[in-house]
Amino acid sequence: MDGSFVDSGPPPGLNHLMLAPPSGMELSRCLDQHLLEEMQRRVRAQPEKVKRRKSIVEHPFGTIKHSMNQGHFLSRRLPNVRSEMSLTVLAYNIKRVLKILGVKKFLAALT
């Protein structure tokens, strides 16, 4: 290969998005869009499973980690992971208190 790019046209399923885009607007589509659409179809077909999934205890921890932009645990071994999760939950709770009370009331409560 010489490094040049050969355009073979839009991927299947993208044609309907590119009929007449406004000038200067660029449309993009995730390479795995078909997988995302399939997953969305399965979710819509079985909403009771989604409801059950949201109620299990893992969900709050995942939500906290996601909202704090944490991703995977950085530490290894269970005691270290527990410590990391404890710090994450502490930071999340402080963030919530700040949002509810405000900084002045929070600092006043600490002194």
PDB file of N, CA and C in Angstrom:
ATOM      1  N   MET A   1       0.834  -1.195   0.000  1.00  0.00           N
ATOM      2  CA  MET A   1       0.000   0.000   0.000  1.00  0.00           C
ATOM      3  C   MET A   1       0.868   1.243   0.000  1.00  0.00           C
ATOM      4  N   ASP A   2       0.441   2.229  -0.726  1.00  0.00           N
ATOM      5  CA  ASP A   2       1.209   3.460  -0.801  1.00  0.00           C
ATOM      6  C   ASP A   2       0.714   4.521   0.183  1.00  0.00           C
ATOM      7  N   GLY A   3      -0.241   4.189   1.048  1.00  0.00           N
ATOM      8  CA  GLY A   3      -0.737   5.140   2.039  1.00  0.00           C
ATOM      9  C   GLY A   3      -1.864   6.017   1.532  1.00  0.00           C
ATOM     10  N   SER A   4      -2.247   5.868   0.265  1.00  0.00           N
ATOM     11  CA  SER A   4      -3.333   6.693  -0.256  1.00  0.00           C
ATOM     12  C   SER A   4      -4.673   6.094   0.162  1.00  0.00           C
ATOM     13  N   PHE A   5      -5.680   6.928   0.216  1.00  0.00           N
ATOM     14  CA  PHE A   5      -7.010   6.516   0.653  1.00  0.00           C
ATOM     15  C   PHE A   5      -7.911   6.394  -0.564  1.00  0.00           C
ATOM     16  N   VAL A   6      -8.576   5.268  -0.674  1.00  0.00           N
ATOM     17  CA  VAL A   6      -9.516   5.048  -1.778  1.00  0.00           C
ATOM     18  C   VAL A   6     -10.916   5.115  -1.209  1.00  0.00           C
ATOM     19  N   ASP A   7     -11.708   6.047  -1.718  1.00  0.00           N
ATOM     20  CA  ASP A   7     -13.079   6.212  -1.236  1.00  0.00           C
ATOM     21  C   ASP A   7     -13.983   5.250  -1.987  1.00  0.00           C
ATOM     22  N   SER A   8     -14.580   4.324  -1.241  1.00  0.00           N
ATOM     23  CA  SER A   8     -15.480   3.365  -1.883  1.00  0.00           C
ATOM     24  C   SER A   8     -16.935   3.760  -1.660  1.00  0.00           C
ATOM     25  N   GLY A   9     -17.171   5.003  -1.324  1.00  0.00           N
ATOM     26  CA  GLY A   9     -18.533   5.470  -1.097  1.00  0.00           C
ATOM     27  C   GLY A   9     -18.927   5.326   0.363  1.00  0.00           C
ATOM     28  N   PRO A  10     -20.094   5.815   0.699  1.00  0.00           N
ATOM     29  CA  PRO A  10     -20.527   5.754   2.099  1.00  0.00           C
ATOM     30  C   PRO A  10     -20.830   4.326   2.525  1.00  0.00           C
ATOM     31  N   PRO A  11     -20.661   4.036   3.818  1.00  0.00           N
ATOM     32  CA  PRO A  11     -20.986   2.689   4.294  1.00  0.00           C
ATOM     33  C   PRO A  11     -22.472   2.411   4.168  1.00  0.00           C
ATOM     34  N   PRO A  12     -22.863   1.145   4.124  1.00  0.00           N
ATOM     35  CA  PRO A  12     -24.288   0.817   4.011  1.00  0.00           C
ATOM     36  C   PRO A  12     -25.074   1.425   5.165  1.00  0.00           C
ATOM     37  N   GLY A  13     -26.246   1.959   4.856  1.00  0.00           N
ATOM     38  CA  GLY A  13     -27.089   2.556   5.883  1.00  0.00           C
ATOM     39  C   GLY A  13     -26.848   4.039   6.073  1.00  0.00           C
ATOM     40  N   LEU A  14     -25.781   4.572   5.481  1.00  0.00           N
ATOM     41  CA  LEU A  14     -25.476   5.985   5.655  1.00  0.00           C
ATOM     42  C   LEU A  14     -26.099   6.836   4.559  1.00  0.00           C
ATOM     43  N   ASN A  15     -26.496   6.238   3.466  1.00  0.00           N
ATOM     44  CA  ASN A  15     -27.030   6.993   2.336  1.00  0.00           C
ATOM     45  C   ASN A  15     -28.195   7.893   2.739  1.00  0.00           C
ATOM     46  N   HIS A  16     -29.074   7.396   3.596  1.00  0.00           N
ATOM     47  CA  HIS A  16     -30.241   8.183   3.955  1.00  0.00           C
ATOM     48  C   HIS A  16     -29.870   9.428   4.760  1.00  0.00           C
ATOM     49  N   LEU A  17     -28.683   9.432   5.381  1.00  0.00           N
ATOM     50  CA  LEU A  17     -28.267  10.596   6.140  1.00  0.00           C
ATOM     51  C   LEU A  17     -27.610  11.653   5.276  1.00  0.00           C
ATOM     52  N   MET A  18     -27.168  11.264   4.084  1.00  0.00           N
ATOM     53  CA  MET A  18     -26.380  12.182   3.273  1.00  0.00           C
ATOM     54  C   MET A  18     -27.126  12.675   2.034  1.00  0.00           C
ATOM     55  N   LEU A  19     -28.452  12.658   2.059  1.00  0.00           N
ATOM     56  CA  LEU A  19     -29.197  13.071   0.871  1.00  0.00           C
ATOM     57  C   LEU A  19     -28.922  14.515   0.488  1.00  0.00           C
ATOM     58  N   ALA A  20     -29.116  15.418   1.418  1.00  0.00           N
ATOM     59  CA  ALA A  20     -28.883  16.829   1.120  1.00  0.00           C
ATOM     60  C   ALA A  20     -28.470  17.565   2.393  1.00  0.00           C
ATOM     61  N   PRO A  21     -27.256  17.340   2.867  1.00  0.00           N
ATOM     62  CA  PRO A  21     -26.857  18.042   4.079  1.00  0.00           C
ATOM     63  C   PRO A  21     -26.650  19.535   3.792  1.00  0.00           C
ATOM     64  N   PRO A  22     -26.949  20.387   4.763  1.00  0.00           N
ATOM     65  CA  PRO A  22     -26.701  21.820   4.566  1.00  0.00           C
ATOM     66  C   PRO A  22     -25.214  22.049   4.299  1.00  0.00           C
ATOM     67  N   SER A  23     -24.927  23.092   3.538  1.00  0.00           N
ATOM     68  CA  SER A  23     -23.524  23.333   3.193  1.00  0.00           C
ATOM     69  C   SER A  23     -22.710  23.601   4.451  1.00  0.00           C
ATOM     70  N   GLY A  24     -21.524  23.045   4.485  1.00  0.00           N
ATOM     71  CA  GLY A  24     -20.638  23.231   5.618  1.00  0.00           C
ATOM     72  C   GLY A  24     -20.878  22.253   6.750  1.00  0.00           C
ATOM     73  N   MET A  25     -21.930  21.454   6.669  1.00  0.00           N
ATOM     74  CA  MET A  25     -22.227  20.509   7.741  1.00  0.00           C
ATOM     75  C   MET A  25     -21.625  19.154   7.401  1.00  0.00           C
ATOM     76  N   GLU A  26     -20.947  18.578   8.370  1.00  0.00           N
ATOM     77  CA  GLU A  26     -20.348  17.276   8.157  1.00  0.00           C
ATOM     78  C   GLU A  26     -21.105  16.248   8.974  1.00  0.00           C
ATOM     79  N   LEU A  27     -21.528  15.192   8.341  1.00  0.00           N
ATOM     80  CA  LEU A  27     -22.240  14.121   9.026  1.00  0.00           C
ATOM     81  C   LEU A  27     -21.286  12.965   9.264  1.00  0.00           C
ATOM     82  N   SER A  28     -21.404  12.375  10.429  1.00  0.00           N
ATOM     83  CA  SER A  28     -20.554  11.216  10.704  1.00  0.00           C
ATOM     84  C   SER A  28     -21.399  10.107  11.300  1.00  0.00           C
ATOM     85  N   ARG A  29     -20.864   8.928  11.240  1.00  0.00           N
ATOM     86  CA  ARG A  29     -21.557   7.753  11.745  1.00  0.00           C
ATOM     87  C   ARG A  29     -20.515   6.857  12.395  1.00  0.00           C
ATOM     88  N   CYS A  30     -20.845   6.343  13.550  1.00  0.00           N
ATOM     89  CA  CYS A  30     -19.956   5.428  14.258  1.00  0.00           C
ATOM     90  C   CYS A  30     -19.726   4.192  13.389  1.00  0.00           C
ATOM     91  N   LEU A  31     -18.492   3.709  13.373  1.00  0.00           N
ATOM     92  CA  LEU A  31     -18.194   2.525  12.567  1.00  0.00           C
ATOM     93  C   LEU A  31     -19.018   1.321  13.008  1.00  0.00           C
ATOM     94  N   ASP A  32     -19.335   1.265  14.287  1.00  0.00           N
ATOM     95  CA  ASP A  32     -20.107   0.149  14.822  1.00  0.00           C
ATOM     96  C   ASP A  32     -21.571   0.523  15.036  1.00  0.00           C
ATOM     97  N   GLN A  33     -22.069   1.456  14.258  1.00  0.00           N
ATOM     98  CA  GLN A  33     -23.437   1.922  14.416  1.00  0.00           C
ATOM     99  C   GLN A  33     -24.449   0.787  14.321  1.00  0.00           C
ATOM    100  N   HIS A  34     -24.197  -0.171  13.459  1.00  0.00           N
ATOM    101  CA  HIS A  34     -25.131  -1.295  13.325  1.00  0.00           C
ATOM    102  C   HIS A  34     -25.224  -2.083  14.627  1.00  0.00           C
ATOM    103  N   LEU A  35     -24.124  -2.177  15.371  1.00  0.00           N
ATOM    104  CA  LEU A  35     -24.154  -2.877  16.655  1.00  0.00           C
ATOM    105  C   LEU A  35     -24.957  -2.088  17.683  1.00  0.00           C
ATOM    106  N   LEU A  36     -24.779  -0.767  17.673  1.00  0.00           N
ATOM    107  CA  LEU A  36     -25.540   0.079  18.590  1.00  0.00           C
ATOM    108  C   LEU A  36     -27.040   0.009  18.298  1.00  0.00           C
ATOM    109  N   GLU A  37     -27.389  -0.006  17.018  1.00  0.00           N
ATOM    110  CA  GLU A  37     -28.799  -0.095  16.633  1.00  0.00           C
ATOM    111  C   GLU A  37     -29.391  -1.445  17.037  1.00  0.00           C
ATOM    112  N   GLU A  38     -28.622  -2.509  16.893  1.00  0.00           N
ATOM    113  CA  GLU A  38     -29.092  -3.840  17.296  1.00  0.00           C
ATOM    114  C   GLU A  38     -29.314  -3.900  18.803  1.00  0.00           C
ATOM    115  N   MET A  39     -28.385  -3.331  19.569  1.00  0.00           N
ATOM    116  CA  MET A  39     -28.541  -3.316  21.017  1.00  0.00           C
ATOM    117  C   MET A  39     -29.777  -2.505  21.407  1.00  0.00           C
ATOM    118  N   GLN A  40     -29.991  -1.364  20.776  1.00  0.00           N
ATOM    119  CA  GLN A  40     -31.160  -0.535  21.063  1.00  0.00           C
ATOM    120  C   GLN A  40     -32.454  -1.281  20.730  1.00  0.00           C
ATOM    121  N   ARG A  41     -32.443  -2.054  19.652  1.00  0.00           N
ATOM    122  CA  ARG A  41     -33.623  -2.838  19.278  1.00  0.00           C
ATOM    123  C   ARG A  41     -33.935  -3.874  20.357  1.00  0.00           C
ATOM    124  N   ARG A  42     -32.888  -4.540  20.868  1.00  0.00           N
ATOM    125  CA  ARG A  42     -33.095  -5.548  21.913  1.00  0.00           C
ATOM    126  C   ARG A  42     -33.593  -4.916  23.207  1.00  0.00           C
ATOM    127  N   VAL A  43     -33.092  -3.741  23.524  1.00  0.00           N
ATOM    128  CA  VAL A  43     -33.534  -3.041  24.743  1.00  0.00           C
ATOM    129  C   VAL A  43     -35.008  -2.673  24.633  1.00  0.00           C
ATOM    130  N   ARG A  44     -35.395  -2.152  23.481  1.00  0.00           N
ATOM    131  CA  ARG A  44     -36.802  -1.771  23.294  1.00  0.00           C
ATOM    132  C   ARG A  44     -37.725  -2.979  23.283  1.00  0.00           C
ATOM    133  N   ALA A  45     -37.221  -4.123  22.843  1.00  0.00           N
ATOM    134  CA  ALA A  45     -38.049  -5.330  22.770  1.00  0.00           C
ATOM    135  C   ALA A  45     -38.296  -5.940  24.143  1.00  0.00           C
ATOM    136  N   GLN A  46     -37.413  -5.683  25.118  1.00  0.00           N
ATOM    137  CA  GLN A  46     -37.557  -6.282  26.449  1.00  0.00           C
ATOM    138  C   GLN A  46     -37.323  -5.241  27.542  1.00  0.00           C
ATOM    139  N   PRO A  47     -38.242  -4.282  27.695  1.00  0.00           N
ATOM    140  CA  PRO A  47     -38.036  -3.223  28.692  1.00  0.00           C
ATOM    141  C   PRO A  47     -38.011  -3.740  30.131  1.00  0.00           C
ATOM    142  N   GLU A  48     -38.625  -4.890  30.389  1.00  0.00           N
ATOM    143  CA  GLU A  48     -38.620  -5.436  31.755  1.00  0.00           C
ATOM    144  C   GLU A  48     -37.206  -5.831  32.186  1.00  0.00           C
ATOM    145  N   LYS A  49     -36.388  -6.267  31.247  1.00  0.00           N
ATOM    146  CA  LYS A  49     -35.003  -6.599  31.573  1.00  0.00           C
ATOM    147  C   LYS A  49     -34.208  -5.349  31.922  1.00  0.00           C
ATOM    148  N   VAL A  50     -34.491  -4.262  31.229  1.00  0.00           N
ATOM    149  CA  VAL A  50     -33.814  -2.998  31.522  1.00  0.00           C
ATOM    150  C   VAL A  50     -34.207  -2.520  32.917  1.00  0.00           C
ATOM    151  N   LYS A  51     -35.478  -2.629  33.244  1.00  0.00           N
ATOM    152  CA  LYS A  51     -35.955  -2.206  34.556  1.00  0.00           C
ATOM    153  C   LYS A  51     -35.271  -3.027  35.656  1.00  0.00           C
ATOM    154  N   ARG A  52     -35.167  -4.332  35.448  1.00  0.00           N
ATOM    155  CA  ARG A  52     -34.501  -5.198  36.437  1.00  0.00           C
ATOM    156  C   ARG A  52     -33.017  -4.854  36.535  1.00  0.00           C
ATOM    157  N   ARG A  53     -32.386  -4.607  35.418  1.00  0.00           N
ATOM    158  CA  ARG A  53     -30.957  -4.275  35.399  1.00  0.00           C
ATOM    159  C   ARG A  53     -30.695  -2.996  36.186  1.00  0.00           C
ATOM    160  N   LYS A  54     -31.590  -2.030  36.061  1.00  0.00           N
ATOM    161  CA  LYS A  54     -31.422  -0.759  36.767  1.00  0.00           C
ATOM    162  C   LYS A  54     -31.599  -0.906  38.270  1.00  0.00           C
ATOM    163  N   SER A  55     -32.276  -1.954  38.702  1.00  0.00           N
ATOM    164  CA  SER A  55     -32.561  -2.109  40.117  1.00  0.00           C
ATOM    165  C   SER A  55     -31.503  -2.918  40.867  1.00  0.00           C
ATOM    166  N   ILE A  56     -30.594  -3.571  40.169  1.00  0.00           N
ATOM    167  CA  ILE A  56     -29.594  -4.356  40.887  1.00  0.00           C
ATOM    168  C   ILE A  56     -28.540  -3.431  41.479  1.00  0.00           C
ATOM    169  N   VAL A  57     -27.851  -3.920  42.474  1.00  0.00           N
ATOM    170  CA  VAL A  57     -26.973  -3.075  43.270  1.00  0.00           C
ATOM    171  C   VAL A  57     -25.742  -2.580  42.505  1.00  0.00           C
ATOM    172  N   GLU A  58     -25.332  -3.260  41.464  1.00  0.00           N
ATOM    173  CA  GLU A  58     -24.187  -2.802  40.680  1.00  0.00           C
ATOM    174  C   GLU A  58     -24.435  -1.449  40.036  1.00  0.00           C
ATOM    175  N   HIS A  59     -25.670  -1.193  39.657  1.00  0.00           N
ATOM    176  CA  HIS A  59     -25.961   0.000  38.876  1.00  0.00           C
ATOM    177  C   HIS A  59     -25.547   1.299  39.560  1.00  0.00           C
ATOM    178  N   PRO A  60     -25.857   1.516  40.848  1.00  0.00           N
ATOM    179  CA  PRO A  60     -25.425   2.772  41.479  1.00  0.00           C
ATOM    180  C   PRO A  60     -23.910   2.961  41.460  1.00  0.00           C
ATOM    181  N   PHE A  61     -23.158   1.879  41.667  1.00  0.00           N
ATOM    182  CA  PHE A  61     -21.706   2.005  41.661  1.00  0.00           C
ATOM    183  C   PHE A  61     -21.194   2.364  40.273  1.00  0.00           C
ATOM    184  N   GLY A  62     -21.761   1.744  39.264  1.00  0.00           N
ATOM    185  CA  GLY A  62     -21.378   2.077  37.890  1.00  0.00           C
ATOM    186  C   GLY A  62     -21.733   3.506  37.543  1.00  0.00           C
ATOM    187  N   THR A  63     -22.888   3.962  38.012  1.00  0.00           N
ATOM    188  CA  THR A  63     -23.317   5.333  37.755  1.00  0.00           C
ATOM    189  C   THR A  63     -22.371   6.320  38.419  1.00  0.00           C
ATOM    190  N   ILE A  64     -22.005   6.024  39.670  1.00  0.00           N
ATOM    191  CA  ILE A  64     -21.075   6.913  40.385  1.00  0.00           C
ATOM    192  C   ILE A  64     -19.745   6.971  39.646  1.00  0.00           C
ATOM    193  N   LYS A  65     -19.210   5.814  39.295  1.00  0.00           N
ATOM    194  CA  LYS A  65     -17.917   5.790  38.610  1.00  0.00           C
ATOM    195  C   LYS A  65     -17.995   6.505  37.268  1.00  0.00           C
ATOM    196  N   HIS A  66     -19.104   6.318  36.551  1.00  0.00           N
ATOM    197  CA  HIS A  66     -19.257   6.966  35.248  1.00  0.00           C
ATOM    198  C   HIS A  66     -19.366   8.483  35.406  1.00  0.00           C
ATOM    199  N   SER A  67     -20.151   8.944  36.391  1.00  0.00           N
ATOM    200  CA  SER A  67     -20.333  10.385  36.569  1.00  0.00           C
ATOM    201  C   SER A  67     -19.051  11.062  37.031  1.00  0.00           C
ATOM    202  N   MET A  68     -18.181  10.301  37.685  1.00  0.00           N
ATOM    203  CA  MET A  68     -16.904  10.850  38.138  1.00  0.00           C
ATOM    204  C   MET A  68     -15.805  10.624  37.080  1.00  0.00           C
ATOM    205  N   ASN A  69     -16.202  10.101  35.932  1.00  0.00           N
ATOM    206  CA  ASN A  69     -15.277   9.838  34.822  1.00  0.00           C
ATOM    207  C   ASN A  69     -14.113   8.954  35.271  1.00  0.00           C
ATOM    208  N   GLN A  70     -14.430   7.909  36.026  1.00  0.00           N
ATOM    209  CA  GLN A  70     -13.376   7.079  36.587  1.00  0.00           C
ATOM    210  C   GLN A  70     -13.005   5.893  35.710  1.00  0.00           C
ATOM    211  N   GLY A  71     -13.950   5.243  35.101  1.00  0.00           N
ATOM    212  CA  GLY A  71     -13.630   4.097  34.255  1.00  0.00           C
ATOM    213  C   GLY A  71     -13.216   2.884  35.064  1.00  0.00           C
ATOM    214  N   HIS A  72     -12.154   2.222  34.657  1.00  0.00           N
ATOM    215  CA  HIS A  72     -11.687   1.010  35.334  1.00  0.00           C
ATOM    216  C   HIS A  72     -10.960   1.363  36.626  1.00  0.00           C
ATOM    217  N   PHE A  73     -10.917   0.402  37.538  1.00  0.00           N
ATOM    218  CA  PHE A  73     -10.129   0.584  38.749  1.00  0.00           C
ATOM    219  C   PHE A  73      -8.650   0.624  38.380  1.00  0.00           C
ATOM    220  N   LEU A  74      -7.911   1.510  39.017  1.00  0.00           N
ATOM    221  CA  LEU A  74      -6.491   1.635  38.720  1.00  0.00           C
ATOM    222  C   LEU A  74      -5.638   0.719  39.586  1.00  0.00           C
ATOM    223  N   SER A  75      -6.183   0.294  40.721  1.00  0.00           N
ATOM    224  CA  SER A  75      -5.417  -0.538  41.642  1.00  0.00           C
ATOM    225  C   SER A  75      -5.723  -2.022  41.429  1.00  0.00           C
ATOM    226  N   ARG A  76      -4.894  -2.848  42.039  1.00  0.00           N
ATOM    227  CA  ARG A  76      -5.058  -4.294  41.979  1.00  0.00           C
ATOM    228  C   ARG A  76      -5.308  -4.818  43.387  1.00  0.00           C
ATOM    229  N   ARG A  77      -5.877  -6.017  43.483  1.00  0.00           N
ATOM    230  CA  ARG A  77      -6.165  -6.704  44.738  1.00  0.00           C
ATOM    231  C   ARG A  77      -7.334  -6.037  45.456  1.00  0.00           C
ATOM    232  N   LEU A  78      -8.137  -6.876  46.055  1.00  0.00           N
ATOM    233  CA  LEU A  78      -9.407  -6.452  46.646  1.00  0.00           C
ATOM    234  C   LEU A  78      -9.273  -5.341  47.691  1.00  0.00           C
ATOM    235  N   PRO A  79      -8.352  -5.408  48.645  1.00  0.00           N
ATOM    236  CA  PRO A  79      -8.265  -4.308  49.621  1.00  0.00           C
ATOM    237  C   PRO A  79      -7.971  -2.956  48.968  1.00  0.00           C
ATOM    238  N   ASN A  80      -7.140  -2.961  47.936  1.00  0.00           N
ATOM    239  CA  ASN A  80      -6.808  -1.717  47.237  1.00  0.00           C
ATOM    240  C   ASN A  80      -7.997  -1.192  46.439  1.00  0.00           C
ATOM    241  N   VAL A  81      -8.722  -2.099  45.813  1.00  0.00           N
ATOM    242  CA  VAL A  81      -9.909  -1.705  45.046  1.00  0.00           C
ATOM    243  C   VAL A  81     -10.978  -1.155  45.991  1.00  0.00           C
ATOM    244  N   ARG A  82     -11.124  -1.774  47.168  1.00  0.00           N
ATOM    245  CA  ARG A  82     -12.077  -1.256  48.167  1.00  0.00           C
ATOM    246  C   ARG A  82     -11.719   0.165  48.565  1.00  0.00           C
ATOM    247  N   SER A  83     -10.443   0.410  48.792  1.00  0.00           N
ATOM    248  CA  SER A  83      -9.995   1.756  49.159  1.00  0.00           C
ATOM    249  C   SER A  83     -10.282   2.747  48.040  1.00  0.00           C
ATOM    250  N   GLU A  84      -9.999   2.349  46.823  1.00  0.00           N
ATOM    251  CA  GLU A  84     -10.250   3.223  45.677  1.00  0.00           C
ATOM    252  C   GLU A  84     -11.736   3.544  45.544  1.00  0.00           C
ATOM    253  N   MET A  85     -12.578   2.521  45.718  1.00  0.00           N
ATOM    254  CA  MET A  85     -14.023   2.750  45.626  1.00  0.00           C
ATOM    255  C   MET A  85     -14.502   3.624  46.776  1.00  0.00           C
ATOM    256  N   SER A  86     -13.950   3.443  47.966  1.00  0.00           N
ATOM    257  CA  SER A  86     -14.329   4.273  49.111  1.00  0.00           C
ATOM    258  C   SER A  86     -14.006   5.738  48.847  1.00  0.00           C
ATOM    259  N   LEU A  87     -12.842   5.998  48.286  1.00  0.00           N
ATOM    260  CA  LEU A  87     -12.469   7.378  47.957  1.00  0.00           C
ATOM    261  C   LEU A  87     -13.391   7.962  46.886  1.00  0.00           C
ATOM    262  N   THR A  88     -13.757   7.142  45.919  1.00  0.00           N
ATOM    263  CA  THR A  88     -14.673   7.602  44.866  1.00  0.00           C
ATOM    264  C   THR A  88     -16.034   7.955  45.447  1.00  0.00           C
ATOM    265  N   VAL A  89     -16.553   7.097  46.330  1.00  0.00           N
ATOM    266  CA  VAL A  89     -17.861   7.352  46.939  1.00  0.00           C
ATOM    267  C   VAL A  89     -17.794   8.588  47.842  1.00  0.00           C
ATOM    268  N   LEU A  90     -16.695   8.749  48.575  1.00  0.00           N
ATOM    269  CA  LEU A  90     -16.525   9.935  49.408  1.00  0.00           C
ATOM    270  C   LEU A  90     -16.535  11.205  48.558  1.00  0.00           C
ATOM    271  N   ALA A  91     -15.796  11.191  47.464  1.00  0.00           N
ATOM    272  CA  ALA A  91     -15.769  12.349  46.565  1.00  0.00           C
ATOM    273  C   ALA A  91     -17.155  12.617  45.981  1.00  0.00           C
ATOM    274  N   TYR A  92     -17.861  11.568  45.612  1.00  0.00           N
ATOM    275  CA  TYR A  92     -19.214  11.706  45.063  1.00  0.00           C
ATOM    276  C   TYR A  92     -20.155  12.325  46.094  1.00  0.00           C
ATOM    277  N   ASN A  93     -20.073  11.842  47.343  1.00  0.00           N
ATOM    278  CA  ASN A  93     -20.943  12.367  48.392  1.00  0.00           C
ATOM    279  C   ASN A  93     -20.631  13.826  48.714  1.00  0.00           C
ATOM    280  N   ILE A  94     -19.352  14.186  48.744  1.00  0.00           N
ATOM    281  CA  ILE A  94     -18.979  15.585  48.979  1.00  0.00           C
ATOM    282  C   ILE A  94     -19.498  16.463  47.842  1.00  0.00           C
ATOM    283  N   LYS A  95     -19.386  15.965  46.632  1.00  0.00           N
ATOM    284  CA  LYS A  95     -19.901  16.701  45.471  1.00  0.00           C
ATOM    285  C   LYS A  95     -21.406  16.944  45.598  1.00  0.00           C
ATOM    286  N   ARG A  96     -22.129  15.919  46.045  1.00  0.00           N
ATOM    287  CA  ARG A  96     -23.583  16.048  46.225  1.00  0.00           C
ATOM    288  C   ARG A  96     -23.922  17.053  47.317  1.00  0.00           C
ATOM    289  N   VAL A  97     -23.196  16.990  48.442  1.00  0.00           N
ATOM    290  CA  VAL A  97     -23.448  17.923  49.548  1.00  0.00           C
ATOM    291  C   VAL A  97     -23.188  19.353  49.094  1.00  0.00           C
ATOM    292  N   LEU A  98     -22.117  19.554  48.347  1.00  0.00           N
ATOM    293  CA  LEU A  98     -21.822  20.891  47.837  1.00  0.00           C
ATOM    294  C   LEU A  98     -22.938  21.395  46.924  1.00  0.00           C
ATOM    295  N   LYS A  99     -23.467  20.515  46.132  1.00  0.00           N
ATOM    296  CA  LYS A  99     -24.540  20.905  45.217  1.00  0.00           C
ATOM    297  C   LYS A  99     -25.824  21.228  45.980  1.00  0.00           C
ATOM    298  N   ILE A 100     -26.104  20.475  47.049  1.00  0.00           N
ATOM    299  CA  ILE A 100     -27.336  20.668  47.822  1.00  0.00           C
ATOM    300  C   ILE A 100     -27.224  21.871  48.756  1.00  0.00           C
ATOM    301  N   LEU A 101     -26.150  21.926  49.541  1.00  0.00           N
ATOM    302  CA  LEU A 101     -26.003  22.991  50.539  1.00  0.00           C
ATOM    303  C   LEU A 101     -25.348  24.251  49.998  1.00  0.00           C
ATOM    304  N   GLY A 102     -24.423  24.080  49.106  1.00  0.00           N
ATOM    305  CA  GLY A 102     -23.617  25.202  48.661  1.00  0.00           C
ATOM    306  C   GLY A 102     -22.324  25.234  49.465  1.00  0.00           C
ATOM    307  N   VAL A 103     -21.343  25.960  48.962  1.00  0.00           N
ATOM    308  CA  VAL A 103     -20.014  25.967  49.573  1.00  0.00           C
ATOM    309  C   VAL A 103     -20.038  26.609  50.959  1.00  0.00           C
ATOM    310  N   LYS A 104     -20.737  27.749  51.102  1.00  0.00           N
ATOM    311  CA  LYS A 104     -20.728  28.463  52.388  1.00  0.00           C
ATOM    312  C   LYS A 104     -21.304  27.610  53.515  1.00  0.00           C
ATOM    313  N   LYS A 105     -22.449  26.996  53.300  1.00  0.00           N
ATOM    314  CA  LYS A 105     -23.056  26.164  54.342  1.00  0.00           C
ATOM    315  C   LYS A 105     -22.204  24.929  54.618  1.00  0.00           C
ATOM    316  N   PHE A 106     -21.594  24.381  53.582  1.00  0.00           N
ATOM    317  CA  PHE A 106     -20.744  23.207  53.758  1.00  0.00           C
ATOM    318  C   PHE A 106     -19.539  23.549  54.632  1.00  0.00           C
ATOM    319  N   LEU A 107     -18.862  24.678  54.328  1.00  0.00           N
ATOM    320  CA  LEU A 107     -17.704  25.082  55.123  1.00  0.00           C
ATOM    321  C   LEU A 107     -18.101  25.440  56.551  1.00  0.00           C
ATOM    322  N   ALA A 108     -19.281  26.048  56.719  1.00  0.00           N
ATOM    323  CA  ALA A 108     -19.767  26.383  58.054  1.00  0.00           C
ATOM    324  C   ALA A 108     -20.028  25.106  58.867  1.00  0.00           C
ATOM    325  N   ALA A 109     -20.521  24.079  58.227  1.00  0.00           N
ATOM    326  CA  ALA A 109     -20.793  22.810  58.918  1.00  0.00           C
ATOM    327  C   ALA A 109     -19.497  22.104  59.312  1.00  0.00           C
ATOM    328  N   LEU A 110     -18.429  22.334  58.581  1.00  0.00           N
ATOM    329  CA  LEU A 110     -17.155  21.702  58.899  1.00  0.00           C
ATOM    330  C   LEU A 110     -16.461  22.355  60.091  1.00  0.00           C
ATOM    331  N   THR A 111     -16.736  23.618  60.329  1.00  0.00           N
ATOM    332  CA  THR A 111     -16.041  24.330  61.432  1.00  0.00           C
ATOM    333  C   THR A 111     -16.853  24.333  62.699  1.00  0.00           C
TER     334      THR A 111
END
